Amino acid sequence: MGFLELWPQGAEGLIAEEAEMKTASWVILVVIGTLTLLGSLFSVGIAYFSLIEDKIGPATLTELSAGRPELATAVRARRATAAAYGAGFATFFLAITLGPYRRGDVWAWWALLAGTLVVSVLILLRVPFLGINLAAPAAVTGAGTALSTLVQLGVVGLGLALGRGRLTGSSPLA
């Protein structure tokens, strides 16, 4: 029995299926990168332009900073810095996905995985270190960020899993 007889659809079917998975992989990654960029830019808008009332726990920023405008400025500056790093991460993520990853460079797969894991782990560390309860209302505890990070990690994992074919016989440094 020859190699092609092992596969009912033949070699052409396997190649087409692998191509479809690679395309689905980078499209999923572009969608998640774009959503991350848009979310970060929206957060910058909240910080700089007060697009919506910023809430910290159950209180608004206006309530917390009454009589202390420097407190509101400091909180907005922290939000803007975090959002800027989020936008920067998303930009790098998209650049790697649309260039080297889409082209099939193995290092790009590993870079996307490593970057996503670092960001996700650092965000999820809020659960044990800050005592965040994931079952509590997100607006009060900040659990929403941790939960959305789990979703993002899952979707990026799906996208990378669909592109795992590029890893055959290679190492992260290849």
N, C-alpha and C. Protein backbone atom coordinates (compact mmCIF):
# COMPACT_ATOMS: atom_id res chain seq x y z
N MET A 1 0.86 -1.18 0.00
CA MET A 1 0.00 0.00 0.00
C MET A 1 0.90 1.24 0.00
N GLY A 2 0.67 2.12 -0.97
CA GLY A 2 1.48 3.33 -1.08
C GLY A 2 0.99 4.42 -0.13
N PHE A 3 1.79 5.46 -0.04
CA PHE A 3 1.50 6.58 0.86
C PHE A 3 0.16 7.22 0.53
N LEU A 4 -0.08 7.48 -0.75
CA LEU A 4 -1.31 8.17 -1.14
C LEU A 4 -2.55 7.33 -0.89
N GLU A 5 -2.40 6.02 -0.87
CA GLU A 5 -3.55 5.15 -0.63
C GLU A 5 -4.00 5.18 0.82
N LEU A 6 -3.13 5.65 1.72
CA LEU A 6 -3.50 5.76 3.13
C LEU A 6 -4.54 6.86 3.35
N TRP A 7 -4.59 7.82 2.46
CA TRP A 7 -5.48 8.96 2.61
C TRP A 7 -6.52 8.92 1.50
N PRO A 8 -7.78 8.78 1.83
CA PRO A 8 -8.83 8.68 0.81
C PRO A 8 -8.85 9.86 -0.14
N GLN A 9 -8.58 11.07 0.32
CA GLN A 9 -8.66 12.24 -0.54
C GLN A 9 -7.39 12.48 -1.31
N GLY A 10 -6.33 11.73 -1.06
CA GLY A 10 -5.07 11.91 -1.77
C GLY A 10 -4.28 13.08 -1.22
N ALA A 11 -3.10 13.26 -1.75
CA ALA A 11 -2.19 14.30 -1.26
C ALA A 11 -2.76 15.69 -1.50
N GLU A 12 -3.49 15.87 -2.62
CA GLU A 12 -4.03 17.20 -2.92
C GLU A 12 -5.02 17.64 -1.85
N GLY A 13 -5.84 16.70 -1.38
CA GLY A 13 -6.81 17.02 -0.33
C GLY A 13 -6.14 17.41 0.96
N LEU A 14 -5.04 16.73 1.30
CA LEU A 14 -4.30 17.07 2.52
C LEU A 14 -3.69 18.44 2.43
N ILE A 15 -3.12 18.76 1.27
CA ILE A 15 -2.49 20.06 1.08
C ILE A 15 -3.54 21.17 1.15
N ALA A 16 -4.68 20.96 0.52
CA ALA A 16 -5.76 21.96 0.56
C ALA A 16 -6.28 22.14 1.98
N GLU A 17 -6.44 21.05 2.72
CA GLU A 17 -6.93 21.14 4.10
C GLU A 17 -5.93 21.89 4.97
N GLU A 18 -4.64 21.62 4.79
CA GLU A 18 -3.61 22.32 5.57
C GLU A 18 -3.60 23.80 5.23
N ALA A 19 -3.76 24.14 3.97
CA ALA A 19 -3.81 25.54 3.55
C ALA A 19 -5.00 26.25 4.17
N GLU A 20 -6.15 25.58 4.20
CA GLU A 20 -7.35 26.16 4.81
C GLU A 20 -7.14 26.40 6.30
N MET A 21 -6.50 25.47 6.98
CA MET A 21 -6.25 25.63 8.42
C MET A 21 -5.28 26.78 8.67
N LYS A 22 -4.27 26.91 7.83
CA LYS A 22 -3.32 28.02 7.99
C LYS A 22 -4.01 29.35 7.75
N THR A 23 -4.89 29.40 6.76
CA THR A 23 -5.63 30.63 6.51
C THR A 23 -6.55 30.95 7.69
N ALA A 24 -7.30 29.95 8.16
CA ALA A 24 -8.17 30.17 9.32
C ALA A 24 -7.35 30.63 10.52
N SER A 25 -6.16 30.07 10.67
CA SER A 25 -5.28 30.43 11.78
C SER A 25 -4.94 31.91 11.77
N TRP A 26 -4.41 32.41 10.64
CA TRP A 26 -4.00 33.81 10.65
C TRP A 26 -5.19 34.76 10.65
N VAL A 27 -6.33 34.34 10.09
CA VAL A 27 -7.53 35.20 10.13
C VAL A 27 -8.02 35.34 11.56
N ILE A 28 -8.08 34.24 12.31
CA ILE A 28 -8.48 34.30 13.72
C ILE A 28 -7.53 35.21 14.50
N LEU A 29 -6.24 35.08 14.25
CA LEU A 29 -5.26 35.91 14.96
C LEU A 29 -5.40 37.39 14.58
N VAL A 30 -5.71 37.69 13.33
CA VAL A 30 -5.93 39.08 12.93
C VAL A 30 -7.17 39.64 13.62
N VAL A 31 -8.22 38.84 13.71
CA VAL A 31 -9.44 39.31 14.39
C VAL A 31 -9.14 39.63 15.85
N ILE A 32 -8.45 38.72 16.56
CA ILE A 32 -8.18 38.96 17.98
C ILE A 32 -7.22 40.14 18.16
N GLY A 33 -6.25 40.27 17.26
CA GLY A 33 -5.33 41.41 17.33
C GLY A 33 -6.05 42.73 17.09
N THR A 34 -6.96 42.73 16.13
CA THR A 34 -7.73 43.94 15.83
C THR A 34 -8.64 44.31 16.99
N LEU A 35 -9.31 43.32 17.56
CA LEU A 35 -10.18 43.60 18.72
C LEU A 35 -9.37 44.13 19.91
N THR A 36 -8.18 43.58 20.12
CA THR A 36 -7.31 44.07 21.20
C THR A 36 -6.90 45.51 20.94
N LEU A 37 -6.55 45.82 19.71
CA LEU A 37 -6.16 47.19 19.36
C LEU A 37 -7.33 48.15 19.56
N LEU A 38 -8.51 47.77 19.07
CA LEU A 38 -9.69 48.64 19.23
C LEU A 38 -10.05 48.83 20.70
N GLY A 39 -10.00 47.76 21.48
CA GLY A 39 -10.28 47.88 22.91
C GLY A 39 -9.29 48.79 23.62
N SER A 40 -8.03 48.68 23.25
CA SER A 40 -7.00 49.54 23.84
C SER A 40 -7.21 51.00 23.47
N LEU A 41 -7.55 51.25 22.21
CA LEU A 41 -7.80 52.63 21.78
C LEU A 41 -9.04 53.20 22.46
N PHE A 42 -10.05 52.37 22.67
CA PHE A 42 -11.24 52.83 23.41
C PHE A 42 -10.86 53.20 24.85
N SER A 43 -9.99 52.39 25.45
CA SER A 43 -9.54 52.67 26.81
C SER A 43 -8.74 53.97 26.87
N VAL A 44 -7.95 54.24 25.84
CA VAL A 44 -7.24 55.53 25.76
C VAL A 44 -8.26 56.66 25.69
N GLY A 45 -9.33 56.44 24.92
CA GLY A 45 -10.38 57.45 24.82
C GLY A 45 -11.04 57.74 26.16
N ILE A 46 -11.22 56.71 26.97
CA ILE A 46 -11.78 56.90 28.31
C ILE A 46 -10.81 57.72 29.16
N ALA A 47 -9.54 57.41 29.05
CA ALA A 47 -8.53 58.12 29.85
C ALA A 47 -8.40 59.58 29.46
N TYR A 48 -8.29 59.85 28.17
CA TYR A 48 -8.00 61.21 27.71
C TYR A 48 -9.22 62.07 27.46
N PHE A 49 -10.32 61.44 27.05
CA PHE A 49 -11.46 62.23 26.60
C PHE A 49 -12.74 61.95 27.36
N SER A 50 -12.68 61.12 28.40
CA SER A 50 -13.86 60.78 29.21
C SER A 50 -15.04 60.35 28.34
N LEU A 51 -14.78 59.40 27.42
CA LEU A 51 -15.85 58.92 26.54
C LEU A 51 -17.02 58.36 27.34
N ILE A 52 -16.71 57.68 28.43
CA ILE A 52 -17.72 57.20 29.37
C ILE A 52 -17.17 57.45 30.78
N GLU A 53 -18.04 57.40 31.75
CA GLU A 53 -17.62 57.61 33.13
C GLU A 53 -16.79 56.42 33.59
N ASP A 54 -15.58 56.69 34.02
CA ASP A 54 -14.68 55.64 34.49
C ASP A 54 -15.12 55.18 35.87
N LYS A 55 -15.28 53.87 36.03
CA LYS A 55 -15.68 53.31 37.32
C LYS A 55 -14.51 52.56 37.93
N ILE A 56 -14.36 52.73 39.21
CA ILE A 56 -13.35 52.01 39.97
C ILE A 56 -14.10 51.33 41.10
N GLY A 57 -14.28 50.02 40.93
CA GLY A 57 -15.12 49.31 41.88
C GLY A 57 -16.54 49.82 41.72
N PRO A 58 -17.23 50.04 42.83
CA PRO A 58 -18.62 50.49 42.74
C PRO A 58 -18.76 52.00 42.54
N ALA A 59 -17.66 52.74 42.64
CA ALA A 59 -17.72 54.21 42.57
C ALA A 59 -17.20 54.72 41.23
N THR A 60 -17.64 55.91 40.87
CA THR A 60 -17.10 56.55 39.66
C THR A 60 -15.82 57.29 40.03
N LEU A 61 -15.02 57.57 39.03
CA LEU A 61 -13.80 58.33 39.25
C LEU A 61 -14.12 59.73 39.77
N THR A 62 -15.20 60.32 39.30
CA THR A 62 -15.62 61.64 39.76
C THR A 62 -15.92 61.61 41.26
N GLU A 63 -16.62 60.57 41.71
CA GLU A 63 -16.94 60.46 43.14
C GLU A 63 -15.67 60.28 43.97
N LEU A 64 -14.75 59.45 43.50
CA LEU A 64 -13.53 59.18 44.26
C LEU A 64 -12.59 60.37 44.33
N SER A 65 -12.62 61.19 43.30
CA SER A 65 -11.66 62.29 43.24
C SER A 65 -12.26 63.64 43.62
N ALA A 66 -13.45 63.63 44.20
CA ALA A 66 -14.10 64.89 44.57
C ALA A 66 -13.18 65.71 45.47
N GLY A 67 -12.88 66.93 45.03
CA GLY A 67 -12.01 67.81 45.80
C GLY A 67 -10.52 67.50 45.62
N ARG A 68 -10.20 66.45 44.86
CA ARG A 68 -8.80 66.08 44.61
C ARG A 68 -8.61 65.77 43.13
N PRO A 69 -8.54 66.79 42.30
CA PRO A 69 -8.43 66.58 40.86
C PRO A 69 -7.14 65.84 40.46
N GLU A 70 -6.10 65.98 41.27
CA GLU A 70 -4.84 65.28 40.96
C GLU A 70 -5.02 63.76 41.03
N LEU A 71 -5.95 63.28 41.84
CA LEU A 71 -6.23 61.85 41.91
C LEU A 71 -6.84 61.36 40.59
N ALA A 72 -7.78 62.11 40.06
CA ALA A 72 -8.39 61.75 38.77
C ALA A 72 -7.33 61.75 37.67
N THR A 73 -6.45 62.72 37.69
CA THR A 73 -5.39 62.79 36.68
C THR A 73 -4.47 61.58 36.79
N ALA A 74 -4.12 61.19 38.00
CA ALA A 74 -3.23 60.04 38.19
C ALA A 74 -3.89 58.75 37.71
N VAL A 75 -5.16 58.56 38.02
CA VAL A 75 -5.86 57.35 37.60
C VAL A 75 -6.00 57.32 36.08
N ARG A 76 -6.33 58.46 35.49
CA ARG A 76 -6.44 58.52 34.02
C ARG A 76 -5.09 58.26 33.36
N ALA A 77 -4.03 58.76 33.95
CA ALA A 77 -2.69 58.55 33.39
C ALA A 77 -2.32 57.05 33.44
N ARG A 78 -2.67 56.40 34.54
CA ARG A 78 -2.39 54.95 34.65
C ARG A 78 -3.19 54.16 33.61
N ARG A 79 -4.45 54.52 33.43
CA ARG A 79 -5.27 53.86 32.41
C ARG A 79 -4.67 54.08 31.03
N ALA A 80 -4.25 55.31 30.75
CA ALA A 80 -3.69 55.63 29.43
C ALA A 80 -2.40 54.85 29.19
N THR A 81 -1.57 54.72 30.21
CA THR A 81 -0.32 53.96 30.06
C THR A 81 -0.61 52.49 29.78
N ALA A 82 -1.51 51.89 30.55
CA ALA A 82 -1.88 50.49 30.32
C ALA A 82 -2.47 50.31 28.93
N ALA A 83 -3.33 51.22 28.52
CA ALA A 83 -3.96 51.13 27.20
C ALA A 83 -2.93 51.31 26.08
N ALA A 84 -1.96 52.18 26.31
CA ALA A 84 -0.91 52.38 25.30
C ALA A 84 -0.09 51.10 25.13
N TYR A 85 0.24 50.44 26.22
CA TYR A 85 0.96 49.17 26.11
C TYR A 85 0.09 48.11 25.44
N GLY A 86 -1.20 48.10 25.72
CA GLY A 86 -2.11 47.18 25.04
C GLY A 86 -2.16 47.43 23.55
N ALA A 87 -2.22 48.71 23.16
CA ALA A 87 -2.23 49.06 21.74
C ALA A 87 -0.91 48.69 21.08
N GLY A 88 0.19 48.89 21.79
CA GLY A 88 1.50 48.51 21.26
C GLY A 88 1.61 47.01 21.07
N PHE A 89 1.15 46.25 22.06
CA PHE A 89 1.16 44.79 21.95
C PHE A 89 0.31 44.34 20.75
N ALA A 90 -0.87 44.92 20.62
CA ALA A 90 -1.76 44.55 19.52
C ALA A 90 -1.13 44.89 18.17
N THR A 91 -0.43 46.01 18.09
CA THR A 91 0.23 46.40 16.85
C THR A 91 1.32 45.41 16.47
N PHE A 92 2.15 45.04 17.46
CA PHE A 92 3.18 44.02 17.21
C PHE A 92 2.53 42.69 16.83
N PHE A 93 1.49 42.32 17.53
CA PHE A 93 0.77 41.06 17.27
C PHE A 93 0.28 41.03 15.83
N LEU A 94 -0.35 42.13 15.39
CA LEU A 94 -0.86 42.20 14.03
C LEU A 94 0.27 42.21 13.00
N ALA A 95 1.34 42.93 13.29
CA ALA A 95 2.47 42.99 12.35
C ALA A 95 3.09 41.61 12.17
N ILE A 96 3.26 40.89 13.25
CA ILE A 96 3.83 39.53 13.16
C ILE A 96 2.86 38.59 12.46
N THR A 97 1.57 38.71 12.79
CA THR A 97 0.57 37.83 12.17
C THR A 97 0.46 38.07 10.67
N LEU A 98 0.38 39.32 10.26
CA LEU A 98 0.16 39.64 8.85
C LEU A 98 1.42 39.49 8.00
N GLY A 99 2.58 39.48 8.63
CA GLY A 99 3.82 39.33 7.89
C GLY A 99 4.41 37.94 8.04
N PRO A 100 5.33 37.80 9.00
CA PRO A 100 6.05 36.52 9.13
C PRO A 100 5.16 35.31 9.43
N TYR A 101 4.14 35.47 10.26
CA TYR A 101 3.29 34.31 10.58
C TYR A 101 2.52 33.85 9.34
N ARG A 102 1.92 34.77 8.65
CA ARG A 102 1.16 34.42 7.45
C ARG A 102 2.06 33.80 6.39
N ARG A 103 3.30 34.25 6.33
CA ARG A 103 4.29 33.72 5.38
C ARG A 103 4.72 32.30 5.76
N GLY A 104 4.56 31.96 7.05
CA GLY A 104 4.91 30.61 7.50
C GLY A 104 6.17 30.53 8.33
N ASP A 105 6.72 31.67 8.75
CA ASP A 105 7.94 31.66 9.57
C ASP A 105 7.64 31.03 10.93
N VAL A 106 8.41 30.02 11.28
CA VAL A 106 8.18 29.28 12.52
C VAL A 106 8.38 30.17 13.75
N TRP A 107 9.39 31.03 13.73
CA TRP A 107 9.66 31.88 14.89
C TRP A 107 8.45 32.74 15.23
N ALA A 108 7.65 33.12 14.22
CA ALA A 108 6.49 33.98 14.46
C ALA A 108 5.44 33.26 15.29
N TRP A 109 5.26 31.95 15.06
CA TRP A 109 4.33 31.15 15.86
C TRP A 109 4.73 31.21 17.32
N TRP A 110 6.02 30.98 17.56
CA TRP A 110 6.53 30.98 18.94
C TRP A 110 6.47 32.37 19.57
N ALA A 111 6.73 33.41 18.78
CA ALA A 111 6.67 34.78 19.30
C ALA A 111 5.25 35.15 19.71
N LEU A 112 4.27 34.78 18.88
CA LEU A 112 2.87 35.06 19.24
C LEU A 112 2.46 34.30 20.49
N LEU A 113 2.88 33.05 20.58
CA LEU A 113 2.57 32.26 21.77
C LEU A 113 3.21 32.87 23.01
N ALA A 114 4.50 33.19 22.94
CA ALA A 114 5.21 33.72 24.10
C ALA A 114 4.62 35.06 24.54
N GLY A 115 4.38 35.96 23.59
CA GLY A 115 3.83 37.27 23.94
C GLY A 115 2.46 37.16 24.57
N THR A 116 1.61 36.31 24.02
CA THR A 116 0.26 36.13 24.56
C THR A 116 0.31 35.51 25.95
N LEU A 117 1.18 34.54 26.14
CA LEU A 117 1.29 33.91 27.46
C LEU A 117 1.79 34.89 28.51
N VAL A 118 2.79 35.70 28.18
CA VAL A 118 3.32 36.67 29.15
C VAL A 118 2.22 37.65 29.56
N VAL A 119 1.54 38.24 28.58
CA VAL A 119 0.47 39.20 28.90
C VAL A 119 -0.63 38.53 29.72
N SER A 120 -1.05 37.35 29.30
CA SER A 120 -2.15 36.65 29.98
C SER A 120 -1.79 36.28 31.41
N VAL A 121 -0.61 35.74 31.61
CA VAL A 121 -0.20 35.34 32.97
C VAL A 121 -0.12 36.56 33.88
N LEU A 122 0.47 37.64 33.39
CA LEU A 122 0.58 38.84 34.23
C LEU A 122 -0.78 39.42 34.59
N ILE A 123 -1.72 39.37 33.66
CA ILE A 123 -3.07 39.85 33.97
C ILE A 123 -3.77 38.90 34.94
N LEU A 124 -3.63 37.59 34.72
CA LEU A 124 -4.32 36.62 35.57
C LEU A 124 -3.73 36.54 36.98
N LEU A 125 -2.52 37.03 37.17
CA LEU A 125 -1.95 37.04 38.52
C LEU A 125 -2.73 37.95 39.46
N ARG A 126 -3.61 38.79 38.93
CA ARG A 126 -4.45 39.62 39.79
C ARG A 126 -5.37 38.76 40.66
N VAL A 127 -5.72 37.59 40.15
CA VAL A 127 -6.64 36.72 40.89
C VAL A 127 -6.03 36.32 42.23
N PRO A 128 -4.84 35.69 42.27
CA PRO A 128 -4.29 35.33 43.58
C PRO A 128 -3.70 36.50 44.36
N PHE A 129 -3.02 37.43 43.66
CA PHE A 129 -2.32 38.50 44.38
C PHE A 129 -3.22 39.62 44.86
N LEU A 130 -4.30 39.89 44.15
CA LEU A 130 -5.22 40.95 44.55
C LEU A 130 -6.52 40.41 45.12
N GLY A 131 -6.62 39.09 45.17
CA GLY A 131 -7.81 38.48 45.74
C GLY A 131 -9.06 38.69 44.91
N ILE A 132 -8.90 38.73 43.59
CA ILE A 132 -10.05 38.93 42.70
C ILE A 132 -10.89 37.64 42.67
N ASN A 133 -12.18 37.80 42.84
CA ASN A 133 -13.12 36.69 42.77
C ASN A 133 -13.74 36.69 41.39
N LEU A 134 -13.44 35.67 40.59
CA LEU A 134 -13.94 35.63 39.22
C LEU A 134 -15.46 35.47 39.14
N ALA A 135 -16.08 35.06 40.22
CA ALA A 135 -17.54 34.89 40.23
C ALA A 135 -18.26 36.18 40.65
N ALA A 136 -17.51 37.17 41.14
CA ALA A 136 -18.12 38.43 41.58
C ALA A 136 -18.44 39.31 40.38
N PRO A 137 -19.33 40.28 40.55
CA PRO A 137 -19.63 41.20 39.44
C PRO A 137 -18.36 41.89 38.94
N ALA A 138 -18.14 41.85 37.64
CA ALA A 138 -16.90 42.35 37.05
C ALA A 138 -16.69 43.83 37.29
N ALA A 139 -17.76 44.63 37.29
CA ALA A 139 -17.61 46.07 37.46
C ALA A 139 -17.09 46.42 38.84
N VAL A 140 -17.29 45.56 39.79
CA VAL A 140 -16.87 45.84 41.17
C VAL A 140 -15.45 45.36 41.43
N THR A 141 -15.09 44.24 40.87
CA THR A 141 -13.83 43.60 41.27
C THR A 141 -12.71 43.64 40.26
N GLY A 142 -12.98 43.95 39.02
CA GLY A 142 -11.95 43.85 37.99
C GLY A 142 -11.85 42.44 37.43
N ALA A 143 -12.80 41.60 37.76
CA ALA A 143 -12.78 40.23 37.25
C ALA A 143 -13.02 40.19 35.75
N GLY A 144 -13.66 41.20 35.20
CA GLY A 144 -13.94 41.24 33.76
C GLY A 144 -12.67 41.17 32.94
N THR A 145 -11.63 41.86 33.38
CA THR A 145 -10.36 41.83 32.65
C THR A 145 -9.76 40.43 32.69
N ALA A 146 -9.80 39.80 33.84
CA ALA A 146 -9.26 38.44 33.96
C ALA A 146 -10.06 37.47 33.09
N LEU A 147 -11.37 37.60 33.11
CA LEU A 147 -12.21 36.70 32.31
C LEU A 147 -12.01 36.94 30.82
N SER A 148 -11.92 38.20 30.40
CA SER A 148 -11.69 38.47 28.98
C SER A 148 -10.31 38.00 28.55
N THR A 149 -9.35 38.01 29.46
CA THR A 149 -8.02 37.49 29.16
C THR A 149 -8.08 35.99 28.92
N LEU A 150 -8.89 35.29 29.70
CA LEU A 150 -9.05 33.85 29.47
C LEU A 150 -9.66 33.57 28.10
N VAL A 151 -10.63 34.39 27.70
CA VAL A 151 -11.24 34.23 26.38
C VAL A 151 -10.20 34.50 25.29
N GLN A 152 -9.46 35.60 25.45
CA GLN A 152 -8.42 35.95 24.48
C GLN A 152 -7.39 34.83 24.38
N LEU A 153 -6.95 34.31 25.51
CA LEU A 153 -5.98 33.22 25.52
C LEU A 153 -6.53 32.00 24.79
N GLY A 154 -7.79 31.69 25.00
CA GLY A 154 -8.41 30.56 24.32
C GLY A 154 -8.50 30.75 22.82
N VAL A 155 -8.88 31.95 22.38
CA VAL A 155 -9.01 32.21 20.95
C VAL A 155 -7.64 32.22 20.28
N VAL A 156 -6.65 32.85 20.91
CA VAL A 156 -5.29 32.83 20.35
C VAL A 156 -4.78 31.39 20.31
N GLY A 157 -5.06 30.64 21.37
CA GLY A 157 -4.66 29.22 21.38
C GLY A 157 -5.28 28.46 20.23
N LEU A 158 -6.55 28.72 19.93
CA LEU A 158 -7.22 28.08 18.80
C LEU A 158 -6.53 28.47 17.49
N GLY A 159 -6.29 29.76 17.33
CA GLY A 159 -5.63 30.23 16.11
C GLY A 159 -4.26 29.60 15.92
N LEU A 160 -3.49 29.53 17.00
CA LEU A 160 -2.16 28.92 16.90
C LEU A 160 -2.25 27.41 16.69
N ALA A 161 -3.24 26.78 17.30
CA ALA A 161 -3.40 25.33 17.12
C ALA A 161 -3.70 25.00 15.65
N LEU A 162 -4.49 25.85 15.00
CA LEU A 162 -4.79 25.63 13.59
C LEU A 162 -3.55 25.80 12.72
N GLY A 163 -2.58 26.57 13.20
CA GLY A 163 -1.35 26.78 12.44
C GLY A 163 -0.19 25.93 12.91
N ARG A 164 -0.46 24.92 13.71
CA ARG A 164 0.61 24.10 14.28
C ARG A 164 1.37 23.30 13.23
N GLY A 165 0.79 23.12 12.06
CA GLY A 165 1.44 22.36 11.00
C GLY A 165 2.78 22.93 10.60
N ARG A 166 2.96 24.23 10.78
CA ARG A 166 4.22 24.87 10.41
C ARG A 166 5.36 24.49 11.36
N LEU A 167 5.02 23.85 12.49
CA LEU A 167 6.03 23.51 13.49
C LEU A 167 6.70 22.16 13.25
N THR A 168 6.21 21.39 12.32
CA THR A 168 6.71 20.03 12.09
C THR A 168 8.22 20.05 11.88
N GLY A 169 8.91 19.36 12.78
CA GLY A 169 10.37 19.22 12.65
C GLY A 169 11.15 20.48 12.87
N SER A 170 10.63 21.42 13.66
CA SER A 170 11.37 22.66 13.87
C SER A 170 11.44 22.99 15.35
N SER A 171 12.35 23.88 15.68
CA SER A 171 12.50 24.35 17.05
C SER A 171 12.15 25.83 17.09
N PRO A 172 11.95 26.39 18.29
CA PRO A 172 11.59 27.80 18.39
C PRO A 172 12.61 28.74 17.75
N LEU A 173 13.86 28.32 17.68
CA LEU A 173 14.91 29.19 17.16
C LEU A 173 15.22 28.94 15.69
N ALA A 174 14.50 28.02 15.08
CA ALA A 174 14.77 27.70 13.67
C ALA A 174 14.29 28.80 12.74
